[in-house]
Amino acid sequence: CLATLIIMLVGDTYTLINYVSFINYLCYGVTIMGLIVLRWKKPKIFRPIKVNLLVPITYLAFWAFLLAFSLYSEPVVCGIGLIIILTGVPVFFLGVYWRNKPKCVNRLIESVTCWGQKLCFVVYPQCGSPEEE
């Protein structure tokens, strides 16, 4: 979010749209790859909707062509898009991967989460412990 705000203040909207569209197409392709991997590794799990594997494989073929063409025609935009994605890696390690965090870090993360929920009206905020209420 912070990187997007900085880009919007510094650059133009067209460039931001290019960054985001590359990131979106990259995520769509990874999602479809996950569908194929799950169909291969766990064929017996319940699926409310089943599609023929030809559909995602065809999609991935076109996706790979478009992604390769994007990387060839605008490598700087694609590289910056990848950098924007990679800004989430430290957040993942701080919030999810690091299990034995000090209490002050846990309180900070909970506070930021609660503040974000209130700001965006995404989830009913449940700040603090139930004993406080």
Protein backbone atom coordinates (compact mmCIF):
# COMPACT_ATOMS: atom_id res chain seq x y z
CA CYS A 1 0.00 0.00 0.00
CA LEU A 2 2.81 2.38 0.88
CA ALA A 3 4.66 1.57 -2.35
CA THR A 4 1.48 2.24 -4.35
CA LEU A 5 0.98 5.60 -2.66
CA ILE A 6 4.57 6.61 -3.41
CA ILE A 7 4.24 5.54 -7.05
CA MET A 8 0.99 7.48 -7.41
CA LEU A 9 2.60 10.61 -6.00
CA VAL A 10 5.75 10.30 -8.11
CA GLY A 11 4.61 8.69 -11.37
CA ASP A 12 1.57 8.84 -13.58
CA THR A 13 -1.51 6.65 -13.37
CA TYR A 14 -0.82 4.88 -16.70
CA THR A 15 2.45 3.49 -15.35
CA LEU A 16 0.76 2.34 -12.14
CA ILE A 17 -1.89 0.53 -14.21
CA ASN A 18 0.90 -1.22 -16.15
CA TYR A 19 2.57 -2.36 -12.91
CA VAL A 20 -0.68 -3.65 -11.46
CA SER A 21 -1.81 -5.38 -14.66
CA PHE A 22 1.46 -7.31 -14.89
CA ILE A 23 1.11 -8.34 -11.23
CA ASN A 24 -2.51 -9.40 -11.80
CA TYR A 25 -1.67 -11.54 -14.83
CA LEU A 26 1.19 -13.13 -12.94
CA CYS A 27 -1.12 -14.00 -10.04
CA TYR A 28 -3.81 -15.36 -12.37
CA GLY A 29 -1.33 -17.71 -13.99
CA VAL A 30 -0.01 -18.93 -10.64
CA THR A 31 -3.59 -19.57 -9.52
CA ILE A 32 -4.34 -21.65 -12.61
CA MET A 33 -1.10 -23.56 -12.08
CA GLY A 34 -2.29 -24.28 -8.54
CA LEU A 35 -5.53 -25.66 -9.96
CA ILE A 36 -3.61 -28.06 -12.18
CA VAL A 37 -1.28 -29.11 -9.35
CA LEU A 38 -4.22 -29.81 -7.04
CA ARG A 39 -5.98 -31.83 -9.74
CA TRP A 40 -2.80 -33.88 -10.15
CA LYS A 41 -1.78 -34.28 -6.48
CA LYS A 42 -5.25 -34.54 -4.88
CA PRO A 43 -7.64 -35.92 -7.50
CA LYS A 44 -10.16 -37.24 -4.95
CA ILE A 45 -11.02 -34.03 -3.04
CA PHE A 46 -14.49 -32.52 -3.46
CA ARG A 47 -14.78 -29.87 -6.15
CA PRO A 48 -18.11 -28.11 -6.65
CA ILE A 49 -17.09 -27.18 -10.19
CA LYS A 50 -14.93 -29.38 -12.39
CA VAL A 51 -13.52 -28.27 -15.70
CA ASN A 52 -11.73 -30.23 -18.34
CA LEU A 53 -7.96 -29.88 -17.89
CA LEU A 54 -7.69 -28.68 -21.48
CA VAL A 55 -9.20 -25.33 -20.42
CA PRO A 56 -6.55 -24.37 -17.81
CA ILE A 57 -3.72 -25.78 -19.92
CA THR A 58 -4.85 -23.68 -22.90
CA TYR A 59 -5.17 -20.65 -20.64
CA LEU A 60 -1.63 -21.22 -19.33
CA ALA A 61 -0.25 -21.46 -22.87
CA PHE A 62 -1.73 -18.06 -23.78
CA TRP A 63 -0.75 -16.68 -20.37
CA ALA A 64 2.88 -17.74 -20.85
CA PHE A 65 2.96 -16.11 -24.29
CA LEU A 66 1.50 -12.84 -23.02
CA LEU A 67 3.77 -12.80 -19.98
CA ALA A 68 6.87 -13.49 -22.08
CA PHE A 69 5.83 -10.78 -24.53
CA SER A 70 5.32 -8.33 -21.66
CA LEU A 71 8.74 -9.17 -20.23
CA TYR A 72 10.32 -8.70 -23.67
CA SER A 73 8.54 -5.46 -24.59
CA GLU A 74 8.61 -3.70 -21.20
CA PRO A 75 11.19 -5.31 -18.91
CA VAL A 76 11.50 -2.27 -16.63
CA VAL A 77 7.76 -2.13 -15.93
CA CYS A 78 7.69 -5.89 -15.28
CA GLY A 79 10.73 -5.65 -13.02
CA ILE A 80 9.18 -2.86 -10.98
CA GLY A 81 5.97 -4.91 -10.76
CA LEU A 82 7.98 -7.83 -9.38
CA ILE A 83 9.67 -5.50 -6.89
CA ILE A 84 6.23 -4.32 -5.76
CA ILE A 85 5.22 -7.95 -5.17
CA LEU A 86 8.45 -8.63 -3.28
CA THR A 87 7.72 -5.81 -0.83
CA GLY A 88 5.24 -8.22 0.74
CA VAL A 89 7.96 -10.75 1.65
CA PRO A 90 9.16 -8.89 4.77
CA VAL A 91 5.55 -8.46 5.87
CA PHE A 92 5.01 -12.21 5.48
CA PHE A 93 8.08 -13.03 7.54
CA LEU A 94 7.17 -10.49 10.22
CA GLY A 95 3.52 -11.43 10.50
CA VAL A 96 3.27 -15.12 9.61
CA TYR A 97 6.57 -16.97 9.48
CA TRP A 98 8.10 -15.57 12.69
CA ARG A 99 6.33 -17.64 15.37
CA ASN A 100 8.01 -16.59 18.65
CA LYS A 101 7.57 -12.85 18.40
CA PRO A 102 8.02 -10.61 21.44
CA LYS A 103 4.76 -9.38 22.97
CA CYS A 104 5.42 -5.80 21.85
CA VAL A 105 5.62 -6.93 18.19
CA ASN A 106 2.40 -8.95 18.58
CA ARG A 107 0.64 -5.93 20.09
CA LEU A 108 1.88 -3.72 17.25
CA ILE A 109 0.66 -6.16 14.60
CA GLU A 110 -2.73 -6.51 16.31
CA SER A 111 -3.04 -2.73 16.58
CA VAL A 112 -2.21 -2.19 12.91
CA THR A 113 -4.64 -4.97 11.91
CA CYS A 114 -7.43 -3.48 14.01
CA TRP A 115 -6.76 -0.01 12.67
CA GLY A 116 -6.80 -1.30 9.08
CA GLN A 117 -10.07 -3.15 9.67
CA LYS A 118 -11.71 -0.02 11.05
CA LEU A 119 -10.33 2.17 8.28
CA CYS A 120 -11.43 -0.09 5.42
CA PHE A 121 -14.65 -1.45 6.98
CA VAL A 122 -13.51 -4.95 5.98
CA VAL A 123 -14.16 -7.04 9.07
CA TYR A 124 -15.90 -6.21 12.28
CA PRO A 125 -13.03 -5.04 14.50
CA GLN A 126 -12.38 -7.26 17.47
CA CYS A 127 -9.60 -5.28 19.06
CA GLY A 128 -8.29 -6.29 22.44
CA SER A 129 -9.08 -9.35 24.45
CA PRO A 130 -12.63 -10.49 25.32
CA GLU A 131 -11.95 -9.84 29.01
CA GLU A 132 -11.74 -6.10 28.33
CA GLU A 133 -15.33 -5.85 27.13
